[in-house]
Amino acid sequence: QVQLVESGGGLVQPGGSLRLSCAASGSILIIYTMGWYRQAPGKQRELVAVITSGGSTNYADSVKGRFTISRDNAKNTVALQMNSLEPEDTAVYYCNADVFSVIRRSYWGQGTQVTVSS
């Protein structure tokens, strides 16, 4: 079994910054892509940023230039540095990992709330 545990959410004013972290643990052989998704009230879950094991990244257009995704393959962690936050960034943020354990499948964290408000 594989677990993803997120941390770092909270309340921040517009223009502020937050850093989200996610740690994967359990019977892990290989972690392929890791990423962050978010879901705002009344909306579908959407991709924020993903990073491959080789370090290639992809971002949603709405966060390009403001958010940075990074990972530490040795520690099985992924982070999301969020700068210049806007009220529209308010959502529950979920960590995701494509993991080969007994089988290859996608895992999700429990989610962490990010609220951008004055």
PDB file of N, CA and C in Angstrom:
ATOM      1  N   GLN A   1       0.843  -1.179   0.000  1.00  0.00           N
ATOM      2  CA  GLN A   1       0.000   0.000   0.000  1.00  0.00           C
ATOM      3  C   GLN A   1       0.888   1.242   0.000  1.00  0.00           C
ATOM      4  N   VAL A   2       0.390   2.280  -0.658  1.00  0.00           N
ATOM      5  CA  VAL A   2       1.121   3.541  -0.778  1.00  0.00           C
ATOM      6  C   VAL A   2       0.275   4.654  -0.199  1.00  0.00           C
ATOM      7  N   GLN A   3       0.901   5.528   0.557  1.00  0.00           N
ATOM      8  CA  GLN A   3       0.204   6.683   1.112  1.00  0.00           C
ATOM      9  C   GLN A   3       0.878   7.970   0.649  1.00  0.00           C
ATOM     10  N   LEU A   4       0.048   8.972   0.380  1.00  0.00           N
ATOM     11  CA  LEU A   4       0.527  10.317   0.071  1.00  0.00           C
ATOM     12  C   LEU A   4       0.006  11.254   1.147  1.00  0.00           C
ATOM     13  N   VAL A   5       0.901  12.005   1.771  1.00  0.00           N
ATOM     14  CA  VAL A   5       0.513  12.914   2.835  1.00  0.00           C
ATOM     15  C   VAL A   5       0.953  14.325   2.466  1.00  0.00           C
ATOM     16  N   GLU A   6      -0.027  15.228   2.390  1.00  0.00           N
ATOM     17  CA  GLU A   6       0.243  16.620   2.023  1.00  0.00           C
ATOM     18  C   GLU A   6       0.335  17.487   3.266  1.00  0.00           C
ATOM     19  N   SER A   7       1.006  18.615   3.119  1.00  0.00           N
ATOM     20  CA  SER A   7       1.080  19.612   4.172  1.00  0.00           C
ATOM     21  C   SER A   7       1.344  20.964   3.539  1.00  0.00           C
ATOM     22  N   GLY A   8       1.062  22.022   4.301  1.00  0.00           N
ATOM     23  CA  GLY A   8       1.429  23.355   3.864  1.00  0.00           C
ATOM     24  C   GLY A   8       0.306  24.263   3.430  1.00  0.00           C
ATOM     25  N   GLY A   9      -0.920  23.790   3.431  1.00  0.00           N
ATOM     26  CA  GLY A   9      -2.018  24.665   3.048  1.00  0.00           C
ATOM     27  C   GLY A   9      -2.320  25.693   4.121  1.00  0.00           C
ATOM     28  N   GLY A  10      -3.263  26.580   3.821  1.00  0.00           N
ATOM     29  CA  GLY A  10      -3.640  27.586   4.803  1.00  0.00           C
ATOM     30  C   GLY A  10      -4.292  28.789   4.165  1.00  0.00           C
ATOM     31  N   LEU A  11      -4.379  29.848   4.964  1.00  0.00           N
ATOM     32  CA  LEU A  11      -4.979  31.107   4.535  1.00  0.00           C
ATOM     33  C   LEU A  11      -3.877  32.117   4.239  1.00  0.00           C
ATOM     34  N   VAL A  12      -3.964  32.762   3.093  1.00  0.00           N
ATOM     35  CA  VAL A  12      -2.969  33.751   2.707  1.00  0.00           C
ATOM     36  C   VAL A  12      -3.662  34.901   1.997  1.00  0.00           C
ATOM     37  N   GLN A  13      -3.090  36.083   2.100  1.00  0.00           N
ATOM     38  CA  GLN A  13      -3.646  37.244   1.425  1.00  0.00           C
ATOM     39  C   GLN A  13      -3.272  37.238  -0.055  1.00  0.00           C
ATOM     40  N   PRO A  14      -4.055  37.885  -0.883  1.00  0.00           N
ATOM     41  CA  PRO A  14      -3.692  38.000  -2.304  1.00  0.00           C
ATOM     42  C   PRO A  14      -2.293  38.583  -2.454  1.00  0.00           C
ATOM     43  N   GLY A  15      -1.532  37.991  -3.369  1.00  0.00           N
ATOM     44  CA  GLY A  15      -0.151  38.397  -3.570  1.00  0.00           C
ATOM     45  C   GLY A  15       0.839  37.649  -2.709  1.00  0.00           C
ATOM     46  N   GLY A  16       0.343  36.872  -1.781  1.00  0.00           N
ATOM     47  CA  GLY A  16       1.217  36.128  -0.878  1.00  0.00           C
ATOM     48  C   GLY A  16       1.699  34.819  -1.473  1.00  0.00           C
ATOM     49  N   SER A  17       2.412  34.067  -0.642  1.00  0.00           N
ATOM     50  CA  SER A  17       3.014  32.803  -1.083  1.00  0.00           C
ATOM     51  C   SER A  17       2.703  31.686  -0.091  1.00  0.00           C
ATOM     52  N   LEU A  18       2.659  30.480  -0.632  1.00  0.00           N
ATOM     53  CA  LEU A  18       2.546  29.269   0.165  1.00  0.00           C
ATOM     54  C   LEU A  18       3.370  28.186  -0.504  1.00  0.00           C
ATOM     55  N   ARG A  19       3.813  27.232   0.316  1.00  0.00           N
ATOM     56  CA  ARG A  19       4.534  26.086  -0.222  1.00  0.00           C
ATOM     57  C   ARG A  19       3.850  24.816   0.255  1.00  0.00           C
ATOM     58  N   LEU A  20       3.415  24.010  -0.706  1.00  0.00           N
ATOM     59  CA  LEU A  20       2.808  22.719  -0.401  1.00  0.00           C
ATOM     60  C   LEU A  20       3.849  21.615  -0.548  1.00  0.00           C
ATOM     61  N   SER A  21       3.751  20.635   0.329  1.00  0.00           N
ATOM     62  CA  SER A  21       4.643  19.481   0.262  1.00  0.00           C
ATOM     63  C   SER A  21       3.831  18.197   0.306  1.00  0.00           C
ATOM     64  N   CYS A  22       4.374  17.160  -0.316  1.00  0.00           N
ATOM     65  CA  CYS A  22       3.710  15.862  -0.338  1.00  0.00           C
ATOM     66  C   CYS A  22       4.777  14.777  -0.242  1.00  0.00           C
ATOM     67  N   ALA A  23       4.560  13.844   0.679  1.00  0.00           N
ATOM     68  CA  ALA A  23       5.507  12.743   0.855  1.00  0.00           C
ATOM     69  C   ALA A  23       4.810  11.421   0.582  1.00  0.00           C
ATOM     70  N   ALA A  24       5.434  10.606  -0.245  1.00  0.00           N
ATOM     71  CA  ALA A  24       4.903   9.281  -0.549  1.00  0.00           C
ATOM     72  C   ALA A  24       5.636   8.244   0.289  1.00  0.00           C
ATOM     73  N   SER A  25       4.891   7.288   0.818  1.00  0.00           N
ATOM     74  CA  SER A  25       5.497   6.242   1.627  1.00  0.00           C
ATOM     75  C   SER A  25       4.772   4.923   1.386  1.00  0.00           C
ATOM     76  N   GLY A  26       5.422   3.839   1.780  1.00  0.00           N
ATOM     77  CA  GLY A  26       4.830   2.521   1.605  1.00  0.00           C
ATOM     78  C   GLY A  26       5.712   1.652   0.728  1.00  0.00           C
ATOM     79  N   SER A  27       5.082   0.652   0.129  1.00  0.00           N
ATOM     80  CA  SER A  27       5.814  -0.312  -0.692  1.00  0.00           C
ATOM     81  C   SER A  27       6.008   0.232  -2.102  1.00  0.00           C
ATOM     82  N   ILE A  28       6.953   1.118  -2.232  1.00  0.00           N
ATOM     83  CA  ILE A  28       7.184   1.824  -3.501  1.00  0.00           C
ATOM     84  C   ILE A  28       8.406   1.248  -4.201  1.00  0.00           C
ATOM     85  N   LEU A  29       8.224   0.876  -5.466  1.00  0.00           N
ATOM     86  CA  LEU A  29       9.357   0.471  -6.283  1.00  0.00           C
ATOM     87  C   LEU A  29       9.811   1.624  -7.183  1.00  0.00           C
ATOM     88  N   ILE A  30       8.856   2.203  -7.881  1.00  0.00           N
ATOM     89  CA  ILE A  30       9.165   3.322  -8.778  1.00  0.00           C
ATOM     90  C   ILE A  30       8.034   4.335  -8.690  1.00  0.00           C
ATOM     91  N   ILE A  31       8.381   5.624  -8.661  1.00  0.00           N
ATOM     92  CA  ILE A  31       7.396   6.684  -8.823  1.00  0.00           C
ATOM     93  C   ILE A  31       7.655   7.352 -10.154  1.00  0.00           C
ATOM     94  N   TYR A  32       6.700   7.326 -11.015  1.00  0.00           N
ATOM     95  CA  TYR A  32       6.814   7.971 -12.320  1.00  0.00           C
ATOM     96  C   TYR A  32       6.454   9.440 -12.165  1.00  0.00           C
ATOM     97  N   THR A  33       5.358   9.882 -12.713  1.00  0.00           N
ATOM     98  CA  THR A  33       4.964  11.284 -12.612  1.00  0.00           C
ATOM     99  C   THR A  33       4.360  11.585 -11.248  1.00  0.00           C
ATOM    100  N   MET A  34       4.696  12.752 -10.710  1.00  0.00           N
ATOM    101  CA  MET A  34       4.059  13.287  -9.512  1.00  0.00           C
ATOM    102  C   MET A  34       3.442  14.629  -9.873  1.00  0.00           C
ATOM    103  N   GLY A  35       2.397  14.999  -9.175  1.00  0.00           N
ATOM    104  CA  GLY A  35       1.779  16.253  -9.539  1.00  0.00           C
ATOM    105  C   GLY A  35       0.822  16.794  -8.503  1.00  0.00           C
ATOM    106  N   TRP A  36       0.310  17.967  -8.811  1.00  0.00           N
ATOM    107  CA  TRP A  36      -0.677  18.639  -7.976  1.00  0.00           C
ATOM    108  C   TRP A  36      -1.906  18.966  -8.816  1.00  0.00           C
ATOM    109  N   TYR A  37      -3.040  18.723  -8.229  1.00  0.00           N
ATOM    110  CA  TYR A  37      -4.328  19.056  -8.813  1.00  0.00           C
ATOM    111  C   TYR A  37      -5.101  19.876  -7.791  1.00  0.00           C
ATOM    112  N   ARG A  38      -6.131  20.562  -8.245  1.00  0.00           N
ATOM    113  CA  ARG A  38      -6.946  21.326  -7.310  1.00  0.00           C
ATOM    114  C   ARG A  38      -8.410  21.272  -7.701  1.00  0.00           C
ATOM    115  N   GLN A  39      -9.244  21.452  -6.699  1.00  0.00           N
ATOM    116  CA  GLN A  39     -10.679  21.459  -6.929  1.00  0.00           C
ATOM    117  C   GLN A  39     -11.306  22.570  -6.107  1.00  0.00           C
ATOM    118  N   ALA A  40     -11.882  23.521  -6.821  1.00  0.00           N
ATOM    119  CA  ALA A  40     -12.594  24.615  -6.178  1.00  0.00           C
ATOM    120  C   ALA A  40     -14.057  24.227  -6.004  1.00  0.00           C
ATOM    121  N   PRO A  41     -14.764  24.866  -5.072  1.00  0.00           N
ATOM    122  CA  PRO A  41     -16.175  24.525  -4.852  1.00  0.00           C
ATOM    123  C   PRO A  41     -16.990  24.650  -6.127  1.00  0.00           C
ATOM    124  N   GLY A  42     -17.753  23.618  -6.427  1.00  0.00           N
ATOM    125  CA  GLY A  42     -18.609  23.642  -7.599  1.00  0.00           C
ATOM    126  C   GLY A  42     -17.901  23.417  -8.923  1.00  0.00           C
ATOM    127  N   LYS A  43     -16.604  23.119  -8.878  1.00  0.00           N
ATOM    128  CA  LYS A  43     -15.839  22.914 -10.104  1.00  0.00           C
ATOM    129  C   LYS A  43     -15.204  21.529 -10.120  1.00  0.00           C
ATOM    130  N   GLN A  44     -14.801  21.106 -11.308  1.00  0.00           N
ATOM    131  CA  GLN A  44     -14.124  19.828 -11.442  1.00  0.00           C
ATOM    132  C   GLN A  44     -12.669  19.945 -11.013  1.00  0.00           C
ATOM    133  N   ARG A  45     -12.102  18.813 -10.626  1.00  0.00           N
ATOM    134  CA  ARG A  45     -10.683  18.787 -10.285  1.00  0.00           C
ATOM    135  C   ARG A  45      -9.869  19.064 -11.551  1.00  0.00           C
ATOM    136  N   GLU A  46      -8.847  19.909 -11.412  1.00  0.00           N
ATOM    137  CA  GLU A  46      -8.039  20.287 -12.555  1.00  0.00           C
ATOM    138  C   GLU A  46      -6.554  20.156 -12.257  1.00  0.00           C
ATOM    139  N   LEU A  47      -5.792  19.927 -13.300  1.00  0.00           N
ATOM    140  CA  LEU A  47      -4.352  19.830 -13.161  1.00  0.00           C
ATOM    141  C   LEU A  47      -3.759  21.198 -12.856  1.00  0.00           C
ATOM    142  N   VAL A  48      -2.827  21.230 -11.911  1.00  0.00           N
ATOM    143  CA  VAL A  48      -2.084  22.452 -11.615  1.00  0.00           C
ATOM    144  C   VAL A  48      -0.677  22.347 -12.208  1.00  0.00           C
ATOM    145  N   ALA A  49       0.038  21.280 -11.834  1.00  0.00           N
ATOM    146  CA  ALA A  49       1.400  21.087 -12.316  1.00  0.00           C
ATOM    147  C   ALA A  49       1.794  19.629 -12.121  1.00  0.00           C
ATOM    148  N   VAL A  50       2.607  19.118 -13.042  1.00  0.00           N
ATOM    149  CA  VAL A  50       3.123  17.756 -12.935  1.00  0.00           C
ATOM    150  C   VAL A  50       4.614  17.767 -13.235  1.00  0.00           C
ATOM    151  N   ILE A  51       5.305  16.754 -12.722  1.00  0.00           N
ATOM    152  CA  ILE A  51       6.739  16.627 -12.940  1.00  0.00           C
ATOM    153  C   ILE A  51       7.081  15.155 -13.093  1.00  0.00           C
ATOM    154  N   THR A  52       7.876  14.840 -14.095  1.00  0.00           N
ATOM    155  CA  THR A  52       8.284  13.457 -14.318  1.00  0.00           C
ATOM    156  C   THR A  52       9.475  13.104 -13.435  1.00  0.00           C
ATOM    157  N   SER A  53       9.825  11.840 -13.407  1.00  0.00           N
ATOM    158  CA  SER A  53      10.982  11.418 -12.619  1.00  0.00           C
ATOM    159  C   SER A  53      12.270  12.035 -13.154  1.00  0.00           C
ATOM    160  N   GLY A  54      12.249  12.406 -14.423  1.00  0.00           N
ATOM    161  CA  GLY A  54      13.421  13.044 -15.012  1.00  0.00           C
ATOM    162  C   GLY A  54      13.455  14.554 -14.860  1.00  0.00           C
ATOM    163  N   GLY A  55      12.386  15.108 -14.281  1.00  0.00           N
ATOM    164  CA  GLY A  55      12.366  16.541 -14.012  1.00  0.00           C
ATOM    165  C   GLY A  55      11.632  17.391 -15.031  1.00  0.00           C
ATOM    166  N   SER A  56      11.032  16.783 -16.033  1.00  0.00           N
ATOM    167  CA  SER A  56      10.238  17.561 -16.981  1.00  0.00           C
ATOM    168  C   SER A  56       8.939  18.002 -16.307  1.00  0.00           C
ATOM    169  N   THR A  57       8.539  19.235 -16.583  1.00  0.00           N
ATOM    170  CA  THR A  57       7.374  19.805 -15.915  1.00  0.00           C
ATOM    171  C   THR A  57       6.322  20.274 -16.915  1.00  0.00           C
ATOM    172  N   ASN A  58       5.100  20.368 -16.420  1.00  0.00           N
ATOM    173  CA  ASN A  58       3.989  20.899 -17.198  1.00  0.00           C
ATOM    174  C   ASN A  58       3.081  21.648 -16.234  1.00  0.00           C
ATOM    175  N   TYR A  59       2.629  22.838 -16.644  1.00  0.00           N
ATOM    176  CA  TYR A  59       1.816  23.677 -15.778  1.00  0.00           C
ATOM    177  C   TYR A  59       0.515  24.062 -16.472  1.00  0.00           C
ATOM    178  N   ALA A  60      -0.505  24.273 -15.675  1.00  0.00           N
ATOM    179  CA  ALA A  60      -1.726  24.883 -16.181  1.00  0.00           C
ATOM    180  C   ALA A  60      -1.395  26.313 -16.579  1.00  0.00           C
ATOM    181  N   ASP A  61      -2.034  26.794 -17.638  1.00  0.00           N
ATOM    182  CA  ASP A  61      -1.756  28.152 -18.111  1.00  0.00           C
ATOM    183  C   ASP A  61      -2.006  29.176 -17.005  1.00  0.00           C
ATOM    184  N   SER A  62      -2.978  28.928 -16.161  1.00  0.00           N
ATOM    185  CA  SER A  62      -3.366  29.903 -15.141  1.00  0.00           C
ATOM    186  C   SER A  62      -2.314  30.086 -14.047  1.00  0.00           C
ATOM    187  N   VAL A  63      -1.367  29.147 -13.939  1.00  0.00           N
ATOM    188  CA  VAL A  63      -0.364  29.248 -12.870  1.00  0.00           C
ATOM    189  C   VAL A  63       1.054  29.445 -13.401  1.00  0.00           C
ATOM    190  N   LYS A  64       1.227  29.408 -14.699  1.00  0.00           N
ATOM    191  CA  LYS A  64       2.567  29.571 -15.277  1.00  0.00           C
ATOM    192  C   LYS A  64       3.183  30.896 -14.849  1.00  0.00           C
ATOM    193  N   GLY A  65       4.442  30.818 -14.437  1.00  0.00           N
ATOM    194  CA  GLY A  65       5.146  32.012 -13.992  1.00  0.00           C
ATOM    195  C   GLY A  65       4.915  32.360 -12.539  1.00  0.00           C
ATOM    196  N   ARG A  66       3.958  31.695 -11.896  1.00  0.00           N
ATOM    197  CA  ARG A  66       3.666  31.970 -10.484  1.00  0.00           C
ATOM    198  C   ARG A  66       3.962  30.758  -9.601  1.00  0.00           C
ATOM    199  N   PHE A  67       3.717  29.563 -10.112  1.00  0.00           N
ATOM    200  CA  PHE A  67       3.911  28.331  -9.342  1.00  0.00           C
ATOM    201  C   PHE A  67       5.120  27.581  -9.880  1.00  0.00           C
ATOM    202  N   THR A  68       5.806  26.878  -8.986  1.00  0.00           N
ATOM    203  CA  THR A  68       6.940  26.042  -9.371  1.00  0.00           C
ATOM    204  C   THR A  68       6.828  24.690  -8.684  1.00  0.00           C
ATOM    205  N   ILE A  69       6.873  23.634  -9.485  1.00  0.00           N
ATOM    206  CA  ILE A  69       6.839  22.284  -8.935  1.00  0.00           C
ATOM    207  C   ILE A  69       8.248  21.714  -8.900  1.00  0.00           C
ATOM    208  N   SER A  70       8.544  20.953  -7.859  1.00  0.00           N
ATOM    209  CA  SER A  70       9.849  20.312  -7.735  1.00  0.00           C
ATOM    210  C   SER A  70       9.680  18.975  -7.016  1.00  0.00           C
ATOM    211  N   ARG A  71      10.667  18.121  -7.151  1.00  0.00           N
ATOM    212  CA  ARG A  71      10.585  16.830  -6.467  1.00  0.00           C
ATOM    213  C   ARG A  71      11.961  16.358  -6.037  1.00  0.00           C
ATOM    214  N   ASP A  72      11.968  15.509  -5.033  1.00  0.00           N
ATOM    215  CA  ASP A  72      13.191  14.888  -4.554  1.00  0.00           C
ATOM    216  C   ASP A  72      12.988  13.382  -4.707  1.00  0.00           C
ATOM    217  N   ASN A  73      13.590  12.808  -5.713  1.00  0.00           N
ATOM    218  CA  ASN A  73      13.376  11.386  -5.992  1.00  0.00           C
ATOM    219  C   ASN A  73      13.901  10.496  -4.872  1.00  0.00           C
ATOM    220  N   ALA A  74      14.961  10.907  -4.222  1.00  0.00           N
ATOM    221  CA  ALA A  74      15.528  10.101  -3.141  1.00  0.00           C
ATOM    222  C   ALA A  74      14.601  10.028  -1.935  1.00  0.00           C
ATOM    223  N   LYS A  75      13.815  11.090  -1.728  1.00  0.00           N
ATOM    224  CA  LYS A  75      12.921  11.155  -0.568  1.00  0.00           C
ATOM    225  C   LYS A  75      11.463  10.891  -0.929  1.00  0.00           C
ATOM    226  N   ASN A  76      11.191  10.678  -2.221  1.00  0.00           N
ATOM    227  CA  ASN A  76       9.814  10.451  -2.682  1.00  0.00           C
ATOM    228  C   ASN A  76       8.892  11.596  -2.293  1.00  0.00           C
ATOM    229  N   THR A  77       9.357  12.803  -2.499  1.00  0.00           N
ATOM    230  CA  THR A  77       8.560  13.979  -2.174  1.00  0.00           C
ATOM    231  C   THR A  77       8.382  14.881  -3.384  1.00  0.00           C
ATOM    232  N   VAL A  78       7.312  15.635  -3.355  1.00  0.00           N
ATOM    233  CA  VAL A  78       7.046  16.649  -4.382  1.00  0.00           C
ATOM    234  C   VAL A  78       6.550  17.895  -3.670  1.00  0.00           C
ATOM    235  N   ALA A  79       6.941  19.054  -4.183  1.00  0.00           N
ATOM    236  CA  ALA A  79       6.555  20.315  -3.574  1.00  0.00           C
ATOM    237  C   ALA A  79       5.983  21.251  -4.631  1.00  0.00           C
ATOM    238  N   LEU A  80       5.174  22.185  -4.175  1.00  0.00           N
ATOM    239  CA  LEU A  80       4.609  23.199  -5.058  1.00  0.00           C
ATOM    240  C   LEU A  80       4.796  24.554  -4.388  1.00  0.00           C
ATOM    241  N   GLN A  81       5.660  25.365  -4.949  1.00  0.00           N
ATOM    242  CA  GLN A  81       5.852  26.732  -4.469  1.00  0.00           C
ATOM    243  C   GLN A  81       4.880  27.628  -5.205  1.00  0.00           C
ATOM    244  N   MET A  82       4.024  28.300  -4.448  1.00  0.00           N
ATOM    245  CA  MET A  82       2.984  29.124  -5.041  1.00  0.00           C
ATOM    246  C   MET A  82       3.236  30.582  -4.652  1.00  0.00           C
ATOM    247  N   ASN A  83       3.505  31.417  -5.637  1.00  0.00           N
ATOM    248  CA  ASN A  83       3.737  32.840  -5.417  1.00  0.00           C
ATOM    249  C   ASN A  83       2.651  33.665  -6.101  1.00  0.00           C
ATOM    250  N   SER A  84       2.565  34.914  -5.720  1.00  0.00           N
ATOM    251  CA  SER A  84       1.585  35.832  -6.324  1.00  0.00           C
ATOM    252  C   SER A  84       0.197  35.212  -6.333  1.00  0.00           C
ATOM    253  N   LEU A  85      -0.200  34.672  -5.213  1.00  0.00           N
ATOM    254  CA  LEU A  85      -1.485  33.969  -5.135  1.00  0.00           C
ATOM    255  C   LEU A  85      -2.648  34.924  -5.353  1.00  0.00           C
ATOM    256  N   GLU A  86      -3.674  34.398  -6.000  1.00  0.00           N
ATOM    257  CA  GLU A  86      -4.880  35.153  -6.341  1.00  0.00           C
ATOM    258  C   GLU A  86      -6.088  34.464  -5.711  1.00  0.00           C
ATOM    259  N   PRO A  87      -7.160  35.199  -5.465  1.00  0.00           N
ATOM    260  CA  PRO A  87      -8.368  34.554  -4.911  1.00  0.00           C
ATOM    261  C   PRO A  87      -8.834  33.368  -5.750  1.00  0.00           C
ATOM    262  N   GLU A  88      -8.590  33.426  -7.052  1.00  0.00           N
ATOM    263  CA  GLU A  88      -8.998  32.327  -7.936  1.00  0.00           C
ATOM    264  C   GLU A  88      -8.197  31.039  -7.691  1.00  0.00           C
ATOM    265  N   ASP A  89      -7.131  31.135  -6.937  1.00  0.00           N
ATOM    266  CA  ASP A  89      -6.337  29.943  -6.592  1.00  0.00           C
ATOM    267  C   ASP A  89      -6.926  29.193  -5.400  1.00  0.00           C
ATOM    268  N   THR A  90      -7.943  29.741  -4.783  1.00  0.00           N
ATOM    269  CA  THR A  90      -8.582  29.092  -3.640  1.00  0.00           C
ATOM    270  C   THR A  90      -9.179  27.758  -4.057  1.00  0.00           C
ATOM    271  N   ALA A  91      -8.770  26.701  -3.367  1.00  0.00           N
ATOM    272  CA  ALA A  91      -9.231  25.355  -3.705  1.00  0.00           C
ATOM    273  C   ALA A  91      -8.635  24.356  -2.718  1.00  0.00           C
ATOM    274  N   VAL A  92      -9.105  23.126  -2.810  1.00  0.00           N
ATOM    275  CA  VAL A  92      -8.420  22.018  -2.135  1.00  0.00           C
ATOM    276  C   VAL A  92      -7.388  21.478  -3.115  1.00  0.00           C
ATOM    277  N   TYR A  93      -6.166  21.397  -2.665  1.00  0.00           N
ATOM    278  CA  TYR A  93      -5.067  20.929  -3.506  1.00  0.00           C
ATOM    279  C   TYR A  93      -4.735  19.478  -3.159  1.00  0.00           C
ATOM    280  N   TYR A  94      -4.634  18.657  -4.204  1.00  0.00           N
ATOM    281  CA  TYR A  94      -4.391  17.230  -4.037  1.00  0.00           C
ATOM    282  C   TYR A  94      -3.064  16.839  -4.679  1.00  0.00           C
ATOM    283  N   CYS A  95      -2.316  16.051  -3.961  1.00  0.00           N
ATOM    284  CA  CYS A  95      -1.095  15.471  -4.493  1.00  0.00           C
ATOM    285  C   CYS A  95      -1.447  14.169  -5.220  1.00  0.00           C
ATOM    286  N   ASN A  96      -0.766  13.913  -6.315  1.00  0.00           N
ATOM    287  CA  ASN A  96      -0.994  12.694  -7.090  1.00  0.00           C
ATOM    288  C   ASN A  96       0.338  12.074  -7.477  1.00  0.00           C
ATOM    289  N   ALA A  97       0.392  10.756  -7.469  1.00  0.00           N
ATOM    290  CA  ALA A  97       1.615  10.070  -7.883  1.00  0.00           C
ATOM    291  C   ALA A  97       1.271   8.815  -8.661  1.00  0.00           C
ATOM    292  N   ASP A  98       2.007   8.595  -9.721  1.00  0.00           N
ATOM    293  CA  ASP A  98       1.885   7.395 -10.548  1.00  0.00           C
ATOM    294  C   ASP A  98       2.963   6.429 -10.067  1.00  0.00           C
ATOM    295  N   VAL A  99       2.537   5.382  -9.376  1.00  0.00           N
ATOM    296  CA  VAL A  99       3.475   4.556  -8.614  1.00  0.00           C
ATOM    297  C   VAL A  99       3.423   3.106  -9.069  1.00  0.00           C
ATOM    298  N   PHE A 100       4.599   2.483  -9.188  1.00  0.00           N
ATOM    299  CA  PHE A 100       4.679   1.038  -9.379  1.00  0.00           C
ATOM    300  C   PHE A 100       5.027   0.425  -8.026  1.00  0.00           C
ATOM    301  N   SER A 101       4.057  -0.269  -7.478  1.00  0.00           N
ATOM    302  CA  SER A 101       4.233  -0.995  -6.222  1.00  0.00           C
ATOM    303  C   SER A 101       4.088  -2.480  -6.549  1.00  0.00           C
ATOM    304  N   VAL A 102       3.012  -3.082  -6.156  1.00  0.00           N
ATOM    305  CA  VAL A 102       2.710  -4.437  -6.630  1.00  0.00           C
ATOM    306  C   VAL A 102       2.245  -4.352  -8.077  1.00  0.00           C
ATOM    307  N   ILE A 103       1.460  -3.315  -8.348  1.00  0.00           N
ATOM    308  CA  ILE A 103       1.042  -2.978  -9.709  1.00  0.00           C
ATOM    309  C   ILE A 103       1.285  -1.503  -9.913  1.00  0.00           C
ATOM    310  N   ARG A 104       1.112  -1.047 -11.133  1.00  0.00           N
ATOM    311  CA  ARG A 104       1.251   0.385 -11.399  1.00  0.00           C
ATOM    312  C   ARG A 104      -0.129   1.017 -11.340  1.00  0.00           C
ATOM    313  N   ARG A 105      -0.255   2.042 -10.502  1.00  0.00           N
ATOM    314  CA  ARG A 105      -1.518   2.759 -10.422  1.00  0.00           C
ATOM    315  C   ARG A 105      -1.302   4.150  -9.877  1.00  0.00           C
ATOM    316  N   SER A 106      -2.370   4.950  -9.931  1.00  0.00           N
ATOM    317  CA  SER A 106      -2.321   6.328  -9.482  1.00  0.00           C
ATOM    318  C   SER A 106      -2.838   6.413  -8.046  1.00  0.00           C
ATOM    319  N   TYR A 107      -2.151   7.203  -7.230  1.00  0.00           N
ATOM    320  CA  TYR A 107      -2.548   7.420  -5.846  1.00  0.00           C
ATOM    321  C   TYR A 107      -2.814   8.903  -5.615  1.00  0.00           C
ATOM    322  N   TRP A 108      -3.712   9.174  -4.655  1.00  0.00           N
ATOM    323  CA  TRP A 108      -4.079  10.550  -4.301  1.00  0.00           C
ATOM    324  C   TRP A 108      -3.864  10.784  -2.811  1.00  0.00           C
ATOM    325  N   GLY A 109      -3.464  12.000  -2.478  1.00  0.00           N
ATOM    326  CA  GLY A 109      -3.437  12.415  -1.097  1.00  0.00           C
ATOM    327  C   GLY A 109      -4.825  12.822  -0.642  1.00  0.00           C
ATOM    328  N   GLN A 110      -4.919  13.206   0.632  1.00  0.00           N
ATOM    329  CA  GLN A 110      -6.223  13.531   1.216  1.00  0.00           C
ATOM    330  C   GLN A 110      -6.661  14.948   0.890  1.00  0.00           C
ATOM    331  N   GLY A 111      -5.750  15.769   0.403  1.00  0.00           N
ATOM    332  CA  GLY A 111      -6.073  17.145   0.049  1.00  0.00           C
ATOM    333  C   GLY A 111      -5.723  18.127   1.157  1.00  0.00           C
ATOM    334  N   THR A 112      -5.347  19.320   0.750  1.00  0.00           N
ATOM    335  CA  THR A 112      -5.057  20.393   1.712  1.00  0.00           C
ATOM    336  C   THR A 112      -5.691  21.681   1.196  1.00  0.00           C
ATOM    337  N   GLN A 113      -6.341  22.403   2.088  1.00  0.00           N
ATOM    338  CA  GLN A 113      -7.084  23.604   1.708  1.00  0.00           C
ATOM    339  C   GLN A 113      -6.145  24.794   1.556  1.00  0.00           C
ATOM    340  N   VAL A 114      -6.289  25.490   0.448  1.00  0.00           N
ATOM    341  CA  VAL A 114      -5.604  26.767   0.224  1.00  0.00           C
ATOM    342  C   VAL A 114      -6.672  27.830   0.024  1.00  0.00           C
ATOM    343  N   THR A 115      -6.642  28.859   0.851  1.00  0.00           N
ATOM    344  CA  THR A 115      -7.605  29.949   0.761  1.00  0.00           C
ATOM    345  C   THR A 115      -6.848  31.257   0.596  1.00  0.00           C
ATOM    346  N   VAL A 116      -7.176  31.968  -0.475  1.00  0.00           N
ATOM    347  CA  VAL A 116      -6.543  33.258  -0.760  1.00  0.00           C
ATOM    348  C   VAL A 116      -7.607  34.331  -0.588  1.00  0.00           C
ATOM    349  N   SER A 117      -7.450  35.122   0.453  1.00  0.00           N
ATOM    350  CA  SER A 117      -8.476  36.104   0.777  1.00  0.00           C
ATOM    351  C   SER A 117      -7.884  37.206   1.639  1.00  0.00           C
ATOM    352  N   SER A 118      -8.426  38.410   1.461  1.00  0.00           N
ATOM    353  CA  SER A 118      -8.004  39.521   2.300  1.00  0.00           C
ATOM    354  C   SER A 118      -8.923  39.668   3.497  1.00  0.00           C
TER     355      SER A 118
END
